[in-house]
C-alpha atoms as a PDB file:
ATOM      1  CA  MET A   1      -0.105  -0.047  -0.061  1.00  0.00           C
ATOM      2  CA  GLN A   2       1.421   3.405  -1.015  1.00  0.00           C
ATOM      3  CA  PHE A   3       0.848   6.510   1.174  1.00  0.00           C
ATOM      4  CA  LEU A   4       2.581   9.753   2.098  1.00  0.00           C
ATOM      5  CA  HIS A   5       2.995  11.018  -1.300  1.00  0.00           C
ATOM      6  CA  LEU A   6       2.170  14.773  -0.912  1.00  0.00           C
ATOM      7  CA  GLN A   7       5.410  16.606  -0.746  1.00  0.00           C
ATOM      8  CA  ALA A   8       4.494  20.223  -0.300  1.00  0.00           C
ATOM      9  CA  LEU A   9       1.427  22.324   0.992  1.00  0.00           C
ATOM     10  CA  VAL A  10       2.091  25.769   2.130  1.00  0.00           C
ATOM     11  CA  SER A  11      -0.174  28.418   3.373  1.00  0.00           C
ATOM     12  CA  ASN A  12       0.627  31.707   4.980  1.00  0.00           C
ATOM     13  CA  ILE A  13      -1.657  34.554   6.268  1.00  0.00           C
ATOM     14  CA  VAL A  14      -0.266  37.749   7.667  1.00  0.00           C
ATOM     15  CA  ASN A  15      -2.313  40.668   8.599  1.00  0.00           C
ATOM     16  CA  LYS A  16      -0.441  42.814  11.188  1.00  0.00           C
ATOM     17  CA  GLY A  17      -3.014  45.590  11.503  1.00  0.00           C
ATOM     18  CA  GLY A  18      -5.904  43.132  12.033  1.00  0.00           C
ATOM     19  CA  LEU A  19      -3.914  40.776  14.283  1.00  0.00           C
ATOM     20  CA  SER A  20      -4.345  38.040  11.754  1.00  0.00           C
ATOM     21  CA  SER A  21      -1.396  35.331  11.639  1.00  0.00           C
ATOM     22  CA  GLY A  22      -1.489  31.889  10.034  1.00  0.00           C
ATOM     23  CA  ASP A  23       0.488  28.954   8.684  1.00  0.00           C
ATOM     24  CA  VAL A  24      -0.389  25.546   7.369  1.00  0.00           C
ATOM     25  CA  ALA A  25       2.576  23.413   6.180  1.00  0.00           C
ATOM     26  CA  ALA A  26       2.698  19.847   5.173  1.00  0.00           C
ATOM     27  CA  GLN A  27       5.281  17.543   3.471  1.00  0.00           C
ATOM     28  CA  TYR A  28       4.787  13.870   2.993  1.00  0.00           C
ATOM     29  CA  LYS A  29       7.008  11.279   1.585  1.00  0.00           C
ATOM     30  CA  HIS A  30       7.031   7.412   1.420  1.00  0.00           C
ATOM     31  CA  GLN A  31      10.327   5.786   0.995  1.00  0.00           C
ATOM     32  CA  ASN A  32      12.617   6.429   3.958  1.00  0.00           C
ATOM     33  CA  ALA A  33       9.926   8.550   5.301  1.00  0.00           C
ATOM     34  CA  VAL A  34      10.033  12.403   5.819  1.00  0.00           C
ATOM     35  CA  VAL A  35       6.745  13.858   7.456  1.00  0.00           C
ATOM     36  CA  ASP A  36       6.733  17.456   8.250  1.00  0.00           C
ATOM     37  CA  PHE A  37       3.550  18.759   9.734  1.00  0.00           C
ATOM     38  CA  LYS A  38       2.815  22.568  11.060  1.00  0.00           C
ATOM     39  CA  LEU A  39      -0.369  24.139  12.179  1.00  0.00           C
ATOM     40  CA  ASP A  40      -0.234  27.337  13.734  1.00  0.00           C
ATOM     41  CA  THR A  41      -2.193  30.589  14.587  1.00  0.00           C
ATOM     42  CA  GLU A  42      -1.362  30.404  18.231  1.00  0.00           C
ATOM     43  CA  SER A  43      -2.200  26.677  18.632  1.00  0.00           C
ATOM     44  CA  ASN A  44       1.346  25.926  17.447  1.00  0.00           C
ATOM     45  CA  ILE A  45       1.693  22.202  16.463  1.00  0.00           C
ATOM     46  CA  LEU A  46       4.720  21.004  14.772  1.00  0.00           C
ATOM     47  CA  THR A  47       5.322  17.276  14.088  1.00  0.00           C
ATOM     48  CA  THR A  48       8.673  16.161  12.517  1.00  0.00           C
ATOM     49  CA  LEU A  49       9.225  12.578  11.566  1.00  0.00           C
ATOM     50  CA  THR A  50      12.454  11.869   9.746  1.00  0.00           C
ATOM     51  CA  ILE A  51      13.922   8.384   8.745  1.00  0.00           C
ATOM     52  CA  THR A  52      17.041   8.291   6.390  1.00  0.00           C
ATOM     53  CA  ASP A  53      18.752   5.187   5.286  1.00  0.00           C
ATOM     54  CA  LEU A  54      18.181   2.527   7.991  1.00  0.00           C
ATOM     55  CA  HIS A  55      21.806   1.683   7.854  1.00  0.00           C
ATOM     56  CA  PRO A  56      24.232   0.377  10.553  1.00  0.00           C
ATOM     57  CA  SER A  57      25.617   3.922  10.894  1.00  0.00           C
ATOM     58  CA  ALA A  58      22.044   4.570  11.598  1.00  0.00           C
ATOM     59  CA  LYS A  59      20.479   8.129  11.746  1.00  0.00           C
ATOM     60  CA  THR A  60      18.054   9.442  14.219  1.00  0.00           C
ATOM     61  CA  LEU A  61      14.286   9.174  14.487  1.00  0.00           C
ATOM     62  CA  GLU A  62      12.924  12.655  16.082  1.00  0.00           C
ATOM     63  CA  VAL A  63       9.328  13.463  16.932  1.00  0.00           C
ATOM     64  CA  GLN A  64       8.469  17.026  18.111  1.00  0.00           C
ATOM     65  CA  ASN A  65       5.086  18.495  19.242  1.00  0.00           C
ATOM     66  CA  PHE A  66       4.770  22.256  20.037  1.00  0.00           C
ATOM     67  CA  HIS A  67       1.814  23.821  21.724  1.00  0.00           C
ATOM     68  CA  GLU A  68       1.213  27.417  22.836  1.00  0.00           C
ATOM     69  CA  HIS A  69       2.245  26.537  26.520  1.00  0.00           C
ATOM     70  CA  ALA A  70       4.008  23.120  26.097  1.00  0.00           C
ATOM     71  CA  THR A  71       6.778  21.488  23.989  1.00  0.00           C
ATOM     72  CA  VAL A  72       7.495  17.774  23.704  1.00  0.00           C
ATOM     73  CA  ALA A  73      10.610  16.431  21.890  1.00  0.00           C
ATOM     74  CA  THR A  74      11.782  12.714  21.603  1.00  0.00           C
ATOM     75  CA  ALA A  75      14.813  11.449  19.448  1.00  0.00           C
ATOM     76  CA  VAL A  76      15.696   7.736  19.073  1.00  0.00           C
ATOM     77  CA  GLY A  77      18.942   6.509  17.621  1.00  0.00           C
ATOM     78  CA  LEU A  78      18.175   4.031  14.771  1.00  0.00           C
ATOM     79  CA  LYS A  79      20.627   1.336  15.579  1.00  0.00           C
ATOM     80  CA  LYS A  80      21.014  -2.114  17.429  1.00  0.00           C
ATOM     81  CA  SER A  81      21.197  -0.621  20.760  1.00  0.00           C
ATOM     82  CA  PRO A  82      19.521   2.882  20.614  1.00  0.00           C
ATOM     83  CA  ALA A  83      19.597   5.784  22.933  1.00  0.00           C
ATOM     84  CA  VAL A  84      16.446   7.544  23.617  1.00  0.00           C
ATOM     85  CA  ASP A  85      16.393  11.489  24.447  1.00  0.00           C
ATOM     86  CA  PHE A  86      13.433  12.865  25.734  1.00  0.00           C
ATOM     87  CA  SER A  87      12.771  16.647  26.805  1.00  0.00           C
ATOM     88  CA  ALA A  88       9.510  18.533  27.686  1.00  0.00           C
ATOM     89  CA  THR A  89       8.557  22.054  28.862  1.00  0.00           C
ATOM     90  CA  ILE A  90       5.141  23.390  30.016  1.00  0.00           C
ATOM     91  CA  GLY A  91       4.225  26.714  31.551  1.00  0.00           C
ATOM     92  CA  THR A  92       3.284  30.247  30.875  1.00  0.00           C
ATOM     93  CA  PRO A  93       4.971  33.535  30.513  1.00  0.00           C
ATOM     94  CA  GLY A  94       5.206  33.592  34.386  1.00  0.00           C
ATOM     95  CA  ILE A  95       6.150  30.095  35.228  1.00  0.00           C
ATOM     96  CA  ALA A  96       7.727  27.223  33.313  1.00  0.00           C
ATOM     97  CA  PHE A  97       8.651  23.621  34.115  1.00  0.00           C
ATOM     98  CA  GLY A  98      11.129  21.543  32.079  1.00  0.00           C
ATOM     99  CA  ALA A  99      12.638  18.164  32.251  1.00  0.00           C
ATOM    100  CA  GLU A 100      15.103  16.123  30.048  1.00  0.00           C
ATOM    101  CA  ALA A 101      16.439  12.596  30.123  1.00  0.00           C
ATOM    102  CA  SER A 102      18.577  10.166  28.090  1.00  0.00           C
ATOM    103  CA  TYR A 103      18.014   6.373  28.263  1.00  0.00           C
ATOM    104  CA  VAL A 104      20.420   3.766  26.671  1.00  0.00           C
ATOM    105  CA  THR A 105      18.696   0.558  25.889  1.00  0.00           C
ATOM    106  CA  SER A 106      21.805  -1.548  25.891  1.00  0.00           C
ATOM    107  CA  SER A 107      22.435  -1.009  29.575  1.00  0.00           C
ATOM    108  CA  GLY A 108      19.083  -0.234  30.552  1.00  0.00           C
ATOM    109  CA  GLU A 109      20.314   2.982  32.265  1.00  0.00           C
ATOM    110  CA  PHE A 110      19.551   6.557  32.303  1.00  0.00           C
ATOM    111  CA  THR A 111      22.645   8.425  31.627  1.00  0.00           C
ATOM    112  CA  LYS A 112      21.027  11.878  32.049  1.00  0.00           C
ATOM    113  CA  TYR A 113      18.085  13.131  33.908  1.00  0.00           C
ATOM    114  CA  ASN A 114      17.484  16.985  34.811  1.00  0.00           C
ATOM    115  CA  ALA A 115      14.372  18.703  35.914  1.00  0.00           C
ATOM    116  CA  GLY A 116      13.822  22.647  36.623  1.00  0.00           C
ATOM    117  CA  VAL A 117      11.122  25.272  37.358  1.00  0.00           C
ATOM    118  CA  ASN A 118      11.596  29.022  36.275  1.00  0.00           C
ATOM    119  CA  MET A 119       9.503  31.872  37.588  1.00  0.00           C
ATOM    120  CA  THR A 120       9.661  35.181  35.865  1.00  0.00           C
ATOM    121  CA  LYS A 121       8.382  38.758  36.803  1.00  0.00           C
ATOM    122  CA  PRO A 122       8.801  42.050  35.141  1.00  0.00           C
ATOM    123  CA  ASP A 123      11.808  42.895  37.514  1.00  0.00           C
ATOM    124  CA  SER A 124      12.934  39.680  38.808  1.00  0.00           C
ATOM    125  CA  ASN A 125      13.695  35.828  37.591  1.00  0.00           C
ATOM    126  CA  ALA A 126      14.050  32.984  39.955  1.00  0.00           C
ATOM    127  CA  SER A 127      14.795  29.129  39.022  1.00  0.00           C
ATOM    128  CA  VAL A 128      15.484  25.922  40.818  1.00  0.00           C
ATOM    129  CA  VAL A 129      17.338  23.159  38.702  1.00  0.00           C
ATOM    130  CA  LEU A 130      17.980  19.534  39.733  1.00  0.00           C
ATOM    131  CA  ALA A 131      20.876  18.328  37.626  1.00  0.00           C
ATOM    132  CA  ASP A 132      23.395  15.396  37.367  1.00  0.00           C
ATOM    133  CA  LYS A 133      21.072  12.752  37.786  1.00  0.00           C
ATOM    134  CA  GLY A 134      19.686  14.248  41.165  1.00  0.00           C
ATOM    135  CA  ASP A 135      23.211  14.850  42.336  1.00  0.00           C
ATOM    136  CA  SER A 136      23.166  18.549  42.271  1.00  0.00           C
ATOM    137  CA  LEU A 137      20.652  21.189  43.018  1.00  0.00           C
ATOM    138  CA  LYS A 138      20.928  24.860  42.135  1.00  0.00           C
ATOM    139  CA  VAL A 139      18.787  27.863  43.195  1.00  0.00           C
ATOM    140  CA  SER A 140      19.315  31.241  41.647  1.00  0.00           C
ATOM    141  CA  TYR A 141      17.467  34.582  41.726  1.00  0.00           C
ATOM    142  CA  LEU A 142      18.169  37.742  39.759  1.00  0.00           C
ATOM    143  CA  HIS A 143      16.751  41.133  40.384  1.00  0.00           C
ATOM    144  CA  HIS A 144      16.870  44.264  38.295  1.00  0.00           C
ATOM    145  CA  LEU A 145      17.525  47.356  40.161  1.00  0.00           C
ATOM    146  CA  ASN A 146      17.214  50.969  38.818  1.00  0.00           C
ATOM    147  CA  GLN A 147      19.972  51.901  41.178  1.00  0.00           C
ATOM    148  CA  LEU A 148      22.315  50.068  39.125  1.00  0.00           C
ATOM    149  CA  ASN A 149      21.320  52.322  36.053  1.00  0.00           C
ATOM    150  CA  GLY A 150      19.389  49.135  34.575  1.00  0.00           C
ATOM    151  CA  GLY A 151      21.794  46.612  35.879  1.00  0.00           C
ATOM    152  CA  ALA A 152      20.916  43.585  38.357  1.00  0.00           C
ATOM    153  CA  VAL A 153      21.989  41.770  41.397  1.00  0.00           C
ATOM    154  CA  VAL A 154      22.100  37.832  41.465  1.00  0.00           C
ATOM    155  CA  GLY A 155      22.482  35.153  44.084  1.00  0.00           C
ATOM    156  CA  GLU A 156      23.080  31.485  43.558  1.00  0.00           C
ATOM    157  CA  ILE A 157      23.296  28.540  45.875  1.00  0.00           C
ATOM    158  CA  ALA A 158      24.626  25.123  44.476  1.00  0.00           C
ATOM    159  CA  ARG A 159      24.602  21.973  46.463  1.00  0.00           C
ATOM    160  CA  LYS A 160      26.473  18.778  45.377  1.00  0.00           C
ATOM    161  CA  PHE A 161      24.930  15.860  47.413  1.00  0.00           C
ATOM    162  CA  SER A 162      27.710  13.343  46.592  1.00  0.00           C
ATOM    163  CA  THR A 163      30.588  15.504  47.945  1.00  0.00           C
ATOM    164  CA  ASN A 164      28.418  17.451  50.510  1.00  0.00           C
ATOM    165  CA  GLU A 165      29.744  20.614  49.103  1.00  0.00           C
ATOM    166  CA  ASN A 166      27.818  24.009  49.000  1.00  0.00           C
ATOM    167  CA  THR A 167      28.759  27.007  46.940  1.00  0.00           C
ATOM    168  CA  LEU A 168      27.129  30.340  47.413  1.00  0.00           C
ATOM    169  CA  THR A 169      27.721  33.058  44.715  1.00  0.00           C
ATOM    170  CA  VAL A 170      26.631  36.538  44.565  1.00  0.00           C
ATOM    171  CA  GLY A 171      27.069  39.083  41.687  1.00  0.00           C
ATOM    172  CA  CYS A 172      26.117  42.134  39.951  1.00  0.00           C
ATOM    173  CA  SER A 173      25.935  44.015  36.643  1.00  0.00           C
ATOM    174  CA  TYR A 174      26.050  47.738  36.119  1.00  0.00           C
ATOM    175  CA  LEU A 175      25.439  49.810  32.847  1.00  0.00           C
ATOM    176  CA  VAL A 176      27.952  52.525  32.984  1.00  0.00           C
ATOM    177  CA  ASP A 177      26.430  53.878  29.907  1.00  0.00           C
ATOM    178  CA  PRO A 178      24.240  52.582  26.926  1.00  0.00           C
ATOM    179  CA  HIS A 179      27.365  51.001  25.466  1.00  0.00           C
ATOM    180  CA  THR A 180      29.219  49.790  28.420  1.00  0.00           C
ATOM    181  CA  LEU A 181      28.534  47.020  30.901  1.00  0.00           C
ATOM    182  CA  VAL A 182      30.341  45.909  34.019  1.00  0.00           C
ATOM    183  CA  LYS A 183      29.803  42.504  35.725  1.00  0.00           C
ATOM    184  CA  ALA A 184      31.562  41.123  38.944  1.00  0.00           C
ATOM    185  CA  LYS A 185      30.996  37.878  40.819  1.00  0.00           C
ATOM    186  CA  LEU A 186      32.297  36.150  44.088  1.00  0.00           C
ATOM    187  CA  ASN A 187      31.606  32.888  45.619  1.00  0.00           C
ATOM    188  CA  ASN A 188      32.293  31.584  49.183  1.00  0.00           C
ATOM    189  CA  HIS A 189      35.461  29.735  47.942  1.00  0.00           C
ATOM    190  CA  GLY A 190      37.148  32.981  47.315  1.00  0.00           C
ATOM    191  CA  ASN A 191      36.820  33.097  43.564  1.00  0.00           C
ATOM    192  CA  LEU A 192      36.395  36.548  42.259  1.00  0.00           C
ATOM    193  CA  GLY A 193      35.710  37.370  38.579  1.00  0.00           C
ATOM    194  CA  ALA A 194      34.836  40.635  36.693  1.00  0.00           C
ATOM    195  CA  LEU A 195      34.592  41.851  33.213  1.00  0.00           C
ATOM    196  CA  VAL A 196      34.168  44.967  31.258  1.00  0.00           C
ATOM    197  CA  GLN A 197      32.113  44.662  28.082  1.00  0.00           C
ATOM    198  CA  HIS A 198      31.957  47.639  25.468  1.00  0.00           C
ATOM    199  CA  GLU A 199      29.791  47.799  22.311  1.00  0.00           C
ATOM    200  CA  LEU A 200      32.126  49.351  19.733  1.00  0.00           C
ATOM    201  CA  ARG A 201      29.252  49.501  17.209  1.00  0.00           C
ATOM    202  CA  PRO A 202      25.942  47.683  17.116  1.00  0.00           C
ATOM    203  CA  LYS A 203      26.391  43.871  17.739  1.00  0.00           C
ATOM    204  CA  SER A 204      30.203  44.379  17.799  1.00  0.00           C
ATOM    205  CA  PHE A 205      31.886  44.156  21.274  1.00  0.00           C
ATOM    206  CA  LEU A 206      35.112  44.305  23.131  1.00  0.00           C
ATOM    207  CA  THR A 207      35.323  42.337  26.368  1.00  0.00           C
ATOM    208  CA  ILE A 208      38.157  42.393  28.916  1.00  0.00           C
ATOM    209  CA  SER A 209      37.858  39.914  31.903  1.00  0.00           C
ATOM    210  CA  GLY A 210      39.684  38.915  34.784  1.00  0.00           C
ATOM    211  CA  ALA A 211      39.629  36.244  37.749  1.00  0.00           C
ATOM    212  CA  PHE A 212      41.631  35.417  40.793  1.00  0.00           C
ATOM    213  CA  ASP A 213      41.481  33.387  44.024  1.00  0.00           C
ATOM    214  CA  THR A 214      41.271  35.829  47.035  1.00  0.00           C
ATOM    215  CA  LYS A 215      42.352  33.055  49.251  1.00  0.00           C
ATOM    216  CA  ALA A 216      45.464  32.481  47.365  1.00  0.00           C
ATOM    217  CA  LEU A 217      47.026  35.867  46.220  1.00  0.00           C
ATOM    218  CA  GLU A 218      50.272  34.415  45.414  1.00  0.00           C
ATOM    219  CA  LYS A 219      48.705  32.777  42.420  1.00  0.00           C
ATOM    220  CA  THR A 220      49.053  34.713  39.074  1.00  0.00           C
ATOM    221  CA  PRO A 221      45.540  36.192  38.340  1.00  0.00           C
ATOM    222  CA  LYS A 222      43.910  35.343  34.825  1.00  0.00           C
ATOM    223  CA  PHE A 223      43.012  37.919  32.233  1.00  0.00           C
ATOM    224  CA  GLY A 224      41.247  37.659  29.001  1.00  0.00           C
ATOM    225  CA  LEU A 225      40.511  39.743  26.082  1.00  0.00           C
ATOM    226  CA  ALA A 226      37.767  39.127  23.485  1.00  0.00           C
ATOM    227  CA  LEU A 227      36.734  40.946  20.458  1.00  0.00           C
ATOM    228  CA  SER A 228      33.353  40.250  18.481  1.00  0.00           C
ATOM    229  CA  LEU A 229      32.667  41.868  15.353  1.00  0.00           C
ATOM    230  CA  LYS A 230      29.635  41.442  13.316  1.00  0.00           C
ATOM    231  CA  PRO A 231      28.869  43.408   9.968  1.00  0.00           C
END
């Protein structure tokens, strides 16, 4: 039985003044299957299924689904003992939850699983992330301050359960002028870092950075210089 022969169907509607949007996309194939599907206008559904040459060097089978408030993606390696990758996010502009995992079928073990939650407000952002297969926990908070000329202060607590180690980091950023940004951070282990970034022209930056250990001043500080130019 033959199927999936339609290889293109495209529709677009744009009406900025009347707030109309649009999209309908489709692509079907049969041999070594390619399925693309897209439906939008705020319901955002995208499904991608791609299979190319089921060969020992094997490719990847990937399925994605997008919704206005949720995203799910799954990828499976097409070989004898494939690995399965899974990720998902769900939320609103104010709060979002996410998780990802990797599972190896040959060993029957998870090589990775992480999860987190992020909360966003107009002047602040907070997140909690459980990573390293549950071995580390990171809690961070960022708050924008007018006193810093549009800059921000940030605090982060990281906990490593296997080593019973805690790291507290505090930092801030300050806008000297519309083209110059200064950042600095310090943790409870005595590591201090700072940088100055200057926008030479739109999208082109010169960055000077430095770092040293305040508990071992005899060590040579580290310095860096970076130049990013874009046309």
